[in-house]
Amino acid sequence: MDDTPQEITSLVGREVYSNNGVFVGEVEDLRLNVDGQTVTGLALGDLNSELFTGTSHGGQGVIVPYRWVRAVGDVILINDVVERVRQPDEEEDELIA
């Protein structure tokens, strides 16, 4: 793997997937630490509507903590935390039905 440093702006526009292969969204912006050199979060837009139904409104997106990032390449892989957050609601719906 190439260890050449890359500009943090190279993350903008990359697609984000869970490590289970589920599309989460696309990086629209970055949240930086005060020093401006450390990424602390990814601002995602073009969200997967199945994952974020009822949690984002209109043109808003979500910010994923950078600590969830598992790998960065042509796409960004994050922990499956987003998927696990949705499951309790789905399980509750199944119990009601």
N, C-alpha and C. Protein backbone atom coordinates (compact mmCIF):
# COMPACT_ATOMS: atom_id res chain seq x y z
N MET A 1 0.83 -1.17 0.00
CA MET A 1 0.00 0.00 0.00
C MET A 1 0.88 1.24 0.00
N ASP A 2 0.47 2.26 -0.69
CA ASP A 2 1.21 3.50 -0.80
C ASP A 2 1.02 4.32 0.48
N ASP A 3 2.12 4.64 1.18
CA ASP A 3 2.04 5.41 2.43
C ASP A 3 2.21 6.90 2.20
N THR A 4 2.16 7.36 0.95
CA THR A 4 2.29 8.77 0.65
C THR A 4 1.11 9.53 1.26
N PRO A 5 1.38 10.60 2.03
CA PRO A 5 0.27 11.36 2.60
C PRO A 5 -0.62 11.94 1.51
N GLN A 6 -1.94 11.94 1.77
CA GLN A 6 -2.89 12.52 0.83
C GLN A 6 -3.59 13.68 1.51
N GLU A 7 -4.08 14.59 0.70
CA GLU A 7 -4.83 15.70 1.26
C GLU A 7 -6.16 15.20 1.79
N ILE A 8 -6.59 15.76 2.90
CA ILE A 8 -7.84 15.30 3.50
C ILE A 8 -9.03 15.60 2.61
N THR A 9 -8.90 16.60 1.75
CA THR A 9 -10.02 16.92 0.85
C THR A 9 -10.25 15.81 -0.17
N SER A 10 -9.31 14.89 -0.31
CA SER A 10 -9.50 13.78 -1.25
C SER A 10 -10.61 12.84 -0.78
N LEU A 11 -11.06 12.96 0.47
CA LEU A 11 -12.15 12.14 0.98
C LEU A 11 -13.51 12.60 0.46
N VAL A 12 -13.61 13.89 0.13
CA VAL A 12 -14.88 14.44 -0.34
C VAL A 12 -15.27 13.79 -1.66
N GLY A 13 -16.52 13.35 -1.75
CA GLY A 13 -17.02 12.72 -2.96
C GLY A 13 -16.95 11.21 -2.95
N ARG A 14 -16.27 10.64 -1.97
CA ARG A 14 -16.18 9.17 -1.92
C ARG A 14 -17.44 8.58 -1.31
N GLU A 15 -17.81 7.41 -1.79
CA GLU A 15 -18.96 6.70 -1.26
C GLU A 15 -18.56 5.99 0.02
N VAL A 16 -19.52 5.91 0.94
CA VAL A 16 -19.27 5.27 2.23
C VAL A 16 -20.17 4.04 2.34
N TYR A 17 -19.55 2.92 2.72
CA TYR A 17 -20.26 1.65 2.88
C TYR A 17 -19.96 1.09 4.26
N SER A 18 -20.91 0.31 4.80
CA SER A 18 -20.63 -0.41 6.05
C SER A 18 -19.70 -1.57 5.70
N ASN A 19 -19.09 -2.14 6.72
CA ASN A 19 -18.20 -3.28 6.41
C ASN A 19 -19.00 -4.52 6.03
N ASN A 20 -20.34 -4.42 6.02
CA ASN A 20 -21.20 -5.48 5.48
C ASN A 20 -21.57 -5.22 4.03
N GLY A 21 -21.07 -4.12 3.46
CA GLY A 21 -21.33 -3.81 2.06
C GLY A 21 -22.58 -2.99 1.79
N VAL A 22 -23.20 -2.44 2.84
CA VAL A 22 -24.41 -1.63 2.66
C VAL A 22 -24.02 -0.18 2.41
N PHE A 23 -24.55 0.42 1.34
CA PHE A 23 -24.28 1.83 1.04
C PHE A 23 -24.87 2.70 2.14
N VAL A 24 -24.05 3.63 2.67
CA VAL A 24 -24.50 4.52 3.74
C VAL A 24 -24.76 5.92 3.19
N GLY A 25 -23.82 6.45 2.40
CA GLY A 25 -23.96 7.80 1.86
C GLY A 25 -22.70 8.21 1.14
N GLU A 26 -22.62 9.51 0.82
CA GLU A 26 -21.47 10.05 0.11
C GLU A 26 -20.90 11.21 0.92
N VAL A 27 -19.58 11.28 1.02
CA VAL A 27 -18.93 12.33 1.80
C VAL A 27 -19.12 13.67 1.08
N GLU A 28 -19.74 14.61 1.77
CA GLU A 28 -19.94 15.96 1.23
C GLU A 28 -19.01 16.97 1.86
N ASP A 29 -18.60 16.71 3.11
CA ASP A 29 -17.73 17.63 3.82
C ASP A 29 -17.05 16.89 4.95
N LEU A 30 -16.11 17.55 5.60
CA LEU A 30 -15.37 16.95 6.69
C LEU A 30 -15.50 17.80 7.94
N ARG A 31 -15.53 17.16 9.08
CA ARG A 31 -15.45 17.89 10.35
C ARG A 31 -14.01 17.74 10.82
N LEU A 32 -13.37 18.87 11.09
CA LEU A 32 -11.96 18.87 11.46
C LEU A 32 -11.77 19.27 12.91
N ASN A 33 -10.64 18.82 13.48
CA ASN A 33 -10.24 19.23 14.80
C ASN A 33 -9.83 20.70 14.74
N VAL A 34 -9.66 21.34 15.88
CA VAL A 34 -9.31 22.76 15.93
C VAL A 34 -8.03 23.05 15.14
N ASP A 35 -7.09 22.12 15.15
CA ASP A 35 -5.83 22.35 14.42
C ASP A 35 -6.02 22.32 12.91
N GLY A 36 -7.18 21.85 12.45
CA GLY A 36 -7.48 21.83 11.02
C GLY A 36 -6.74 20.76 10.25
N GLN A 37 -6.06 19.86 10.95
CA GLN A 37 -5.29 18.83 10.26
C GLN A 37 -5.74 17.42 10.62
N THR A 38 -6.69 17.30 11.53
CA THR A 38 -7.18 16.00 11.94
C THR A 38 -8.67 15.90 11.64
N VAL A 39 -9.06 14.88 10.89
CA VAL A 39 -10.46 14.66 10.58
C VAL A 39 -11.12 13.99 11.77
N THR A 40 -12.23 14.58 12.25
CA THR A 40 -12.96 13.99 13.38
C THR A 40 -14.31 13.43 12.96
N GLY A 41 -14.76 13.77 11.76
CA GLY A 41 -16.05 13.27 11.29
C GLY A 41 -16.22 13.45 9.80
N LEU A 42 -17.10 12.64 9.24
CA LEU A 42 -17.45 12.73 7.82
C LEU A 42 -18.89 13.19 7.72
N ALA A 43 -19.13 14.30 7.03
CA ALA A 43 -20.49 14.77 6.79
C ALA A 43 -21.00 14.10 5.54
N LEU A 44 -22.03 13.28 5.70
CA LEU A 44 -22.56 12.49 4.59
C LEU A 44 -23.86 13.08 4.06
N GLY A 45 -23.99 13.05 2.76
CA GLY A 45 -25.23 13.40 2.08
C GLY A 45 -25.59 12.24 1.17
N ASP A 46 -26.57 12.40 0.33
CA ASP A 46 -27.02 11.34 -0.58
C ASP A 46 -27.16 10.03 0.20
N LEU A 47 -27.89 10.12 1.31
CA LEU A 47 -27.99 9.01 2.26
C LEU A 47 -28.84 7.86 1.75
N ASN A 48 -28.53 6.68 2.25
CA ASN A 48 -29.35 5.50 2.01
C ASN A 48 -30.65 5.69 2.76
N SER A 49 -31.74 5.89 2.04
CA SER A 49 -33.03 6.20 2.68
C SER A 49 -33.53 5.07 3.57
N GLU A 50 -33.15 3.84 3.30
CA GLU A 50 -33.58 2.71 4.13
C GLU A 50 -32.94 2.76 5.51
N LEU A 51 -31.71 3.28 5.61
CA LEU A 51 -31.02 3.35 6.89
C LEU A 51 -31.45 4.56 7.71
N PHE A 52 -31.80 5.66 7.03
CA PHE A 52 -32.01 6.92 7.73
C PHE A 52 -33.43 7.44 7.64
N THR A 53 -34.40 6.61 7.40
CA THR A 53 -35.79 7.05 7.37
C THR A 53 -36.16 7.64 8.72
N GLY A 54 -36.64 8.88 8.70
CA GLY A 54 -37.07 9.54 9.93
C GLY A 54 -35.97 10.16 10.75
N THR A 55 -34.69 9.99 10.39
CA THR A 55 -33.62 10.58 11.19
C THR A 55 -33.01 11.80 10.54
N SER A 56 -33.16 11.97 9.24
CA SER A 56 -32.66 13.18 8.59
C SER A 56 -33.82 13.82 7.86
N HIS A 57 -33.80 15.12 7.78
CA HIS A 57 -34.93 15.86 7.22
C HIS A 57 -34.50 16.61 5.97
N GLY A 58 -35.22 16.40 4.90
CA GLY A 58 -34.98 17.15 3.66
C GLY A 58 -33.56 17.04 3.17
N GLY A 59 -32.90 18.17 3.02
CA GLY A 59 -31.56 18.21 2.47
C GLY A 59 -30.46 17.98 3.48
N GLN A 60 -30.84 17.67 4.72
CA GLN A 60 -29.83 17.46 5.75
C GLN A 60 -29.17 16.10 5.60
N GLY A 61 -27.99 15.99 6.17
CA GLY A 61 -27.27 14.72 6.15
C GLY A 61 -26.96 14.30 7.57
N VAL A 62 -25.94 13.48 7.72
CA VAL A 62 -25.50 13.03 9.03
C VAL A 62 -23.99 13.16 9.11
N ILE A 63 -23.48 13.24 10.33
CA ILE A 63 -22.04 13.24 10.54
C ILE A 63 -21.67 11.92 11.20
N VAL A 64 -20.78 11.20 10.57
CA VAL A 64 -20.30 9.92 11.08
C VAL A 64 -18.96 10.18 11.75
N PRO A 65 -18.79 9.79 13.01
CA PRO A 65 -17.50 9.98 13.68
C PRO A 65 -16.39 9.24 12.92
N TYR A 66 -15.25 9.89 12.78
CA TYR A 66 -14.16 9.29 12.01
C TYR A 66 -13.64 8.02 12.68
N ARG A 67 -13.85 7.87 13.97
CA ARG A 67 -13.39 6.65 14.66
C ARG A 67 -14.11 5.40 14.15
N TRP A 68 -15.26 5.58 13.46
CA TRP A 68 -15.97 4.46 12.88
C TRP A 68 -15.34 3.98 11.58
N VAL A 69 -14.44 4.77 11.00
CA VAL A 69 -13.83 4.41 9.71
C VAL A 69 -12.89 3.24 9.89
N ARG A 70 -13.09 2.21 9.06
CA ARG A 70 -12.25 1.01 9.10
C ARG A 70 -11.20 1.04 8.00
N ALA A 71 -11.54 1.58 6.84
CA ALA A 71 -10.61 1.60 5.72
C ALA A 71 -10.99 2.72 4.75
N VAL A 72 -9.94 3.29 4.12
CA VAL A 72 -10.15 4.32 3.11
C VAL A 72 -9.40 3.89 1.86
N GLY A 73 -10.13 3.82 0.77
CA GLY A 73 -9.56 3.48 -0.52
C GLY A 73 -10.39 4.18 -1.58
N ASP A 74 -10.78 3.46 -2.60
CA ASP A 74 -11.69 4.03 -3.61
C ASP A 74 -13.03 4.37 -2.97
N VAL A 75 -13.41 3.61 -1.94
CA VAL A 75 -14.59 3.88 -1.12
C VAL A 75 -14.12 3.90 0.33
N ILE A 76 -15.01 4.34 1.22
CA ILE A 76 -14.69 4.36 2.64
C ILE A 76 -15.56 3.31 3.33
N LEU A 77 -14.93 2.46 4.12
CA LEU A 77 -15.66 1.44 4.89
C LEU A 77 -15.74 1.88 6.33
N ILE A 78 -16.96 1.78 6.90
CA ILE A 78 -17.15 2.12 8.31
C ILE A 78 -17.73 0.92 9.04
N ASN A 79 -17.66 0.96 10.37
CA ASN A 79 -18.28 -0.09 11.18
C ASN A 79 -19.76 -0.19 10.85
N ASP A 80 -20.34 -1.31 11.12
CA ASP A 80 -21.76 -1.51 10.83
C ASP A 80 -22.66 -0.92 11.91
N VAL A 81 -22.16 0.04 12.68
CA VAL A 81 -22.92 0.67 13.75
C VAL A 81 -24.22 1.26 13.23
N VAL A 82 -24.20 1.90 12.07
CA VAL A 82 -25.39 2.53 11.51
C VAL A 82 -26.48 1.49 11.29
N GLU A 83 -26.10 0.33 10.80
CA GLU A 83 -27.08 -0.73 10.58
C GLU A 83 -27.64 -1.22 11.91
N ARG A 84 -26.79 -1.36 12.93
CA ARG A 84 -27.24 -1.85 14.22
C ARG A 84 -28.15 -0.85 14.92
N VAL A 85 -27.96 0.44 14.65
CA VAL A 85 -28.83 1.45 15.24
C VAL A 85 -30.25 1.30 14.72
N ARG A 86 -30.42 0.94 13.46
CA ARG A 86 -31.75 0.80 12.86
C ARG A 86 -32.46 -0.48 13.30
N GLN A 87 -31.74 -1.52 13.64
CA GLN A 87 -32.37 -2.81 13.91
C GLN A 87 -33.35 -2.82 15.06
N PRO A 88 -33.13 -2.13 16.20
CA PRO A 88 -34.13 -2.20 17.27
C PRO A 88 -35.51 -1.71 16.82
N ASP A 89 -35.59 -0.66 16.03
CA ASP A 89 -36.87 -0.18 15.51
C ASP A 89 -37.54 -1.25 14.66
N GLU A 90 -36.75 -1.88 13.80
CA GLU A 90 -37.29 -2.89 12.91
C GLU A 90 -37.79 -4.08 13.71
N GLU A 91 -37.02 -4.48 14.74
CA GLU A 91 -37.43 -5.61 15.57
C GLU A 91 -38.71 -5.27 16.33
N GLU A 92 -38.85 -4.03 16.80
CA GLU A 92 -40.04 -3.60 17.50
C GLU A 92 -41.26 -3.67 16.58
N ASP A 93 -41.07 -3.23 15.32
CA ASP A 93 -42.15 -3.31 14.35
C ASP A 93 -42.61 -4.75 14.11
N GLU A 94 -41.63 -5.67 14.10
CA GLU A 94 -41.97 -7.07 13.87
C GLU A 94 -42.77 -7.63 15.05
N LEU A 95 -42.44 -7.18 16.28
CA LEU A 95 -43.17 -7.66 17.45
C LEU A 95 -44.60 -7.16 17.47
N ILE A 96 -44.83 -5.95 16.98
CA ILE A 96 -46.16 -5.39 16.94
C ILE A 96 -47.04 -6.09 15.92
N ALA A 97 -46.45 -6.48 14.78
CA ALA A 97 -47.22 -7.10 13.69
C ALA A 97 -47.66 -8.47 14.00
